Amino acid sequence: MTPSPHLTLAVAAGGAVGALLRHGLEMWVPDGAGFPWTTLAINVVGAFLLALLPALARVRRSPAWTVALGPGVLGGFTTLSAASEQARALLADERLAAASAYALGTLVACLAAVLLAGLLSARVEQDVVARAGGDE
């Protein structure tokens, strides 16, 4: 299946925005030599926001918003490749404990963020349904 040109452009534009946001944060709050906290935070926040997207009515109604925000902005914002490189660099510096904590911590923190977002989304959905039922 060939994607439509406008959806492809939505992903590209969103990806540019997300990559610029990530780059700006990395410049504003650099990781430094100790531990890659900035990249960890970016990936956790990105995972959380990605899991929240289905709770947004505009995203549910619009394929363009779905791809612009999901694989576009948040795909460009988060970065598995940078996290992998940073774990490799910690290993190269013979910091096995830090590399392990970083790799496992990233996975666990991102999964926790997704679970939290799922709970919040369910809560929002319940509130919307309750309000709609109360108006009838």
C-alpha atoms as a PDB file:
ATOM      1  CA  MET A   1       0.000   0.000   0.000  1.00  0.00           C
ATOM      2  CA  THR A   2       1.393   3.388  -0.992  1.00  0.00           C
ATOM      3  CA  PRO A   3       0.924   6.123   1.607  1.00  0.00           C
ATOM      4  CA  SER A   4      -0.754   9.306   0.482  1.00  0.00           C
ATOM      5  CA  PRO A   5       1.560  12.254  -0.187  1.00  0.00           C
ATOM      6  CA  HIS A   6      -0.128  14.449   2.434  1.00  0.00           C
ATOM      7  CA  LEU A   7       0.373  11.791   5.155  1.00  0.00           C
ATOM      8  CA  THR A   8       4.001  11.366   4.116  1.00  0.00           C
ATOM      9  CA  LEU A   9       4.499  15.127   4.363  1.00  0.00           C
ATOM     10  CA  ALA A  10       2.789  15.141   7.771  1.00  0.00           C
ATOM     11  CA  VAL A  11       5.258  12.524   9.057  1.00  0.00           C
ATOM     12  CA  ALA A  12       8.220  14.394   7.547  1.00  0.00           C
ATOM     13  CA  ALA A  13       7.171  17.762   8.991  1.00  0.00           C
ATOM     14  CA  GLY A  14       6.444  16.216  12.383  1.00  0.00           C
ATOM     15  CA  GLY A  15       9.750  14.346  12.341  1.00  0.00           C
ATOM     16  CA  ALA A  16      11.634  17.557  11.663  1.00  0.00           C
ATOM     17  CA  VAL A  17       9.873  19.265  14.580  1.00  0.00           C
ATOM     18  CA  GLY A  18      10.577  16.336  16.916  1.00  0.00           C
ATOM     19  CA  ALA A  19      14.232  16.092  15.928  1.00  0.00           C
ATOM     20  CA  LEU A  20      14.674  19.842  16.430  1.00  0.00           C
ATOM     21  CA  LEU A  21      13.014  19.632  19.859  1.00  0.00           C
ATOM     22  CA  ARG A  22      15.322  16.783  20.873  1.00  0.00           C
ATOM     23  CA  HIS A  23      18.381  18.582  19.557  1.00  0.00           C
ATOM     24  CA  GLY A  24      17.389  21.769  21.377  1.00  0.00           C
ATOM     25  CA  LEU A  25      16.937  19.922  24.666  1.00  0.00           C
ATOM     26  CA  GLU A  26      20.261  18.139  24.230  1.00  0.00           C
ATOM     27  CA  MET A  27      21.958  21.502  23.661  1.00  0.00           C
ATOM     28  CA  TRP A  28      20.117  23.206  26.534  1.00  0.00           C
ATOM     29  CA  VAL A  29      20.638  20.323  29.000  1.00  0.00           C
ATOM     30  CA  PRO A  30      23.600  18.272  27.756  1.00  0.00           C
ATOM     31  CA  ASP A  31      24.160  14.779  29.153  1.00  0.00           C
ATOM     32  CA  GLY A  32      27.713  15.500  30.245  1.00  0.00           C
ATOM     33  CA  ALA A  33      30.260  12.813  30.968  1.00  0.00           C
ATOM     34  CA  GLY A  34      28.464  11.088  33.831  1.00  0.00           C
ATOM     35  CA  PHE A  35      25.154   9.543  32.796  1.00  0.00           C
ATOM     36  CA  PRO A  36      22.873  10.205  29.781  1.00  0.00           C
ATOM     37  CA  TRP A  37      20.002  11.677  31.815  1.00  0.00           C
ATOM     38  CA  THR A  38      18.753  13.987  29.063  1.00  0.00           C
ATOM     39  CA  THR A  39      18.300  11.209  26.516  1.00  0.00           C
ATOM     40  CA  LEU A  40      16.688   9.013  29.172  1.00  0.00           C
ATOM     41  CA  ALA A  41      14.227  11.801  30.026  1.00  0.00           C
ATOM     42  CA  ILE A  42      13.490  12.485  26.350  1.00  0.00           C
ATOM     43  CA  ASN A  43      12.702   8.823  25.707  1.00  0.00           C
ATOM     44  CA  VAL A  44      10.509   8.465  28.808  1.00  0.00           C
ATOM     45  CA  VAL A  45       8.562  11.661  28.066  1.00  0.00           C
ATOM     46  CA  GLY A  46       8.216  10.617  24.419  1.00  0.00           C
ATOM     47  CA  ALA A  47       6.923   7.160  25.370  1.00  0.00           C
ATOM     48  CA  PHE A  48       4.418   8.746  27.756  1.00  0.00           C
ATOM     49  CA  LEU A  49       3.170  11.235  25.167  1.00  0.00           C
ATOM     50  CA  LEU A  50       2.961   8.598  22.443  1.00  0.00           C
ATOM     51  CA  ALA A  51       0.801   6.431  24.688  1.00  0.00           C
ATOM     52  CA  LEU A  52      -1.452   9.445  25.419  1.00  0.00           C
ATOM     53  CA  LEU A  53      -2.117  10.233  21.756  1.00  0.00           C
ATOM     54  CA  PRO A  54      -5.175   7.952  21.447  1.00  0.00           C
ATOM     55  CA  ALA A  55      -6.834   9.952  24.249  1.00  0.00           C
ATOM     56  CA  LEU A  56      -6.845  13.059  22.062  1.00  0.00           C
ATOM     57  CA  ALA A  57     -10.036  13.370  20.041  1.00  0.00           C
ATOM     58  CA  ARG A  58      -8.299  15.236  17.212  1.00  0.00           C
ATOM     59  CA  VAL A  59      -5.777  12.416  16.849  1.00  0.00           C
ATOM     60  CA  ARG A  60      -8.516   9.757  16.863  1.00  0.00           C
ATOM     61  CA  ARG A  61     -10.409  11.601  14.113  1.00  0.00           C
ATOM     62  CA  SER A  62      -7.528  12.565  11.850  1.00  0.00           C
ATOM     63  CA  PRO A  63      -5.020  10.251  10.175  1.00  0.00           C
ATOM     64  CA  ALA A  64      -2.870  13.298   9.364  1.00  0.00           C
ATOM     65  CA  TRP A  65      -2.638  14.331  13.038  1.00  0.00           C
ATOM     66  CA  THR A  66      -2.024  10.708  14.032  1.00  0.00           C
ATOM     67  CA  VAL A  67       1.019  10.325  11.782  1.00  0.00           C
ATOM     68  CA  ALA A  68       2.271  13.892  12.279  1.00  0.00           C
ATOM     69  CA  LEU A  69       2.336  13.546  16.060  1.00  0.00           C
ATOM     70  CA  GLY A  70       3.080   9.811  16.452  1.00  0.00           C
ATOM     71  CA  PRO A  71       5.768   8.651  14.043  1.00  0.00           C
ATOM     72  CA  GLY A  72       6.463  12.277  13.124  1.00  0.00           C
ATOM     73  CA  VAL A  73       7.025  14.507  16.162  1.00  0.00           C
ATOM     74  CA  LEU A  74       7.421  11.810  18.800  1.00  0.00           C
ATOM     75  CA  GLY A  75       9.334   9.491  16.477  1.00  0.00           C
ATOM     76  CA  GLY A  76      11.764  12.315  15.758  1.00  0.00           C
ATOM     77  CA  PHE A  77      11.884  13.345  19.424  1.00  0.00           C
ATOM     78  CA  THR A  78      12.661   9.938  20.925  1.00  0.00           C
ATOM     79  CA  THR A  79      15.771   8.068  19.971  1.00  0.00           C
ATOM     80  CA  LEU A  80      16.674   4.432  20.434  1.00  0.00           C
ATOM     81  CA  SER A  81      19.839   4.868  18.396  1.00  0.00           C
ATOM     82  CA  ALA A  82      21.242   7.561  20.720  1.00  0.00           C
ATOM     83  CA  ALA A  83      20.330   5.495  23.783  1.00  0.00           C
ATOM     84  CA  SER A  84      22.053   2.459  22.263  1.00  0.00           C
ATOM     85  CA  GLU A  85      25.161   4.485  21.422  1.00  0.00           C
ATOM     86  CA  GLN A  86      25.287   5.950  24.907  1.00  0.00           C
ATOM     87  CA  ALA A  87      25.039   2.473  26.458  1.00  0.00           C
ATOM     88  CA  ARG A  88      27.839   1.331  24.131  1.00  0.00           C
ATOM     89  CA  ALA A  89      29.976   4.315  25.184  1.00  0.00           C
ATOM     90  CA  LEU A  90      29.448   3.491  28.859  1.00  0.00           C
ATOM     91  CA  LEU A  91      30.542  -0.091  28.135  1.00  0.00           C
ATOM     92  CA  ALA A  92      33.585   1.167  26.215  1.00  0.00           C
ATOM     93  CA  ASP A  93      34.499   3.221  29.305  1.00  0.00           C
ATOM     94  CA  GLU A  94      34.271  -0.018  31.296  1.00  0.00           C
ATOM     95  CA  ARG A  95      31.235   1.216  33.191  1.00  0.00           C
ATOM     96  CA  LEU A  96      29.246  -2.005  33.086  1.00  0.00           C
ATOM     97  CA  ALA A  97      26.980  -1.104  36.007  1.00  0.00           C
ATOM     98  CA  ALA A  98      26.128   2.317  34.545  1.00  0.00           C
ATOM     99  CA  ALA A  99      25.532   0.836  31.073  1.00  0.00           C
ATOM    100  CA  SER A 100      23.285  -1.866  32.498  1.00  0.00           C
ATOM    101  CA  ALA A 101      21.390   0.591  34.684  1.00  0.00           C
ATOM    102  CA  TYR A 102      20.945   2.923  31.716  1.00  0.00           C
ATOM    103  CA  ALA A 103      19.736   0.241  29.283  1.00  0.00           C
ATOM    104  CA  LEU A 104      17.412  -1.454  31.769  1.00  0.00           C
ATOM    105  CA  GLY A 105      16.353   1.841  33.335  1.00  0.00           C
ATOM    106  CA  THR A 106      15.358   3.217  29.945  1.00  0.00           C
ATOM    107  CA  LEU A 107      13.226   0.156  29.208  1.00  0.00           C
ATOM    108  CA  VAL A 108      11.574   0.050  32.628  1.00  0.00           C
ATOM    109  CA  ALA A 109      10.967   3.810  32.800  1.00  0.00           C
ATOM    110  CA  CYS A 110       9.477   3.904  29.287  1.00  0.00           C
ATOM    111  CA  LEU A 111       7.193   0.955  30.051  1.00  0.00           C
ATOM    112  CA  ALA A 112       6.098   2.609  33.299  1.00  0.00           C
ATOM    113  CA  ALA A 113       5.395   5.845  31.397  1.00  0.00           C
ATOM    114  CA  VAL A 114       3.277   3.956  28.867  1.00  0.00           C
ATOM    115  CA  LEU A 115       1.334   2.208  31.632  1.00  0.00           C
ATOM    116  CA  LEU A 116       0.721   5.518  33.405  1.00  0.00           C
ATOM    117  CA  ALA A 117      -0.419   7.139  30.166  1.00  0.00           C
ATOM    118  CA  GLY A 118      -2.758   4.206  29.568  1.00  0.00           C
ATOM    119  CA  LEU A 119      -4.303   4.659  33.002  1.00  0.00           C
ATOM    120  CA  LEU A 120      -4.714   8.392  32.421  1.00  0.00           C
ATOM    121  CA  SER A 121      -6.228   7.782  28.988  1.00  0.00           C
ATOM    122  CA  ALA A 122      -8.728   5.326  30.435  1.00  0.00           C
ATOM    123  CA  ARG A 123      -9.643   7.851  33.116  1.00  0.00           C
ATOM    124  CA  VAL A 124     -10.163  10.604  30.541  1.00  0.00           C
ATOM    125  CA  GLU A 125     -12.269   8.253  28.407  1.00  0.00           C
ATOM    126  CA  GLN A 126     -14.441   7.371  31.419  1.00  0.00           C
ATOM    127  CA  ASP A 127     -14.937  11.066  32.188  1.00  0.00           C
ATOM    128  CA  VAL A 128     -15.916  11.794  28.580  1.00  0.00           C
ATOM    129  CA  VAL A 129     -18.383   8.921  28.510  1.00  0.00           C
ATOM    130  CA  ALA A 130     -19.837   9.957  31.879  1.00  0.00           C
ATOM    131  CA  ARG A 131     -20.288  13.561  30.710  1.00  0.00           C
ATOM    132  CA  ALA A 132     -21.888  12.436  27.453  1.00  0.00           C
ATOM    133  CA  GLY A 133     -24.273  10.175  29.352  1.00  0.00           C
ATOM    134  CA  GLY A 134     -25.173  12.971  31.748  1.00  0.00           C
ATOM    135  CA  ASP A 135     -26.164  15.305  28.892  1.00  0.00           C
ATOM    136  CA  GLU A 136     -28.724  12.928  27.408  1.00  0.00           C
END
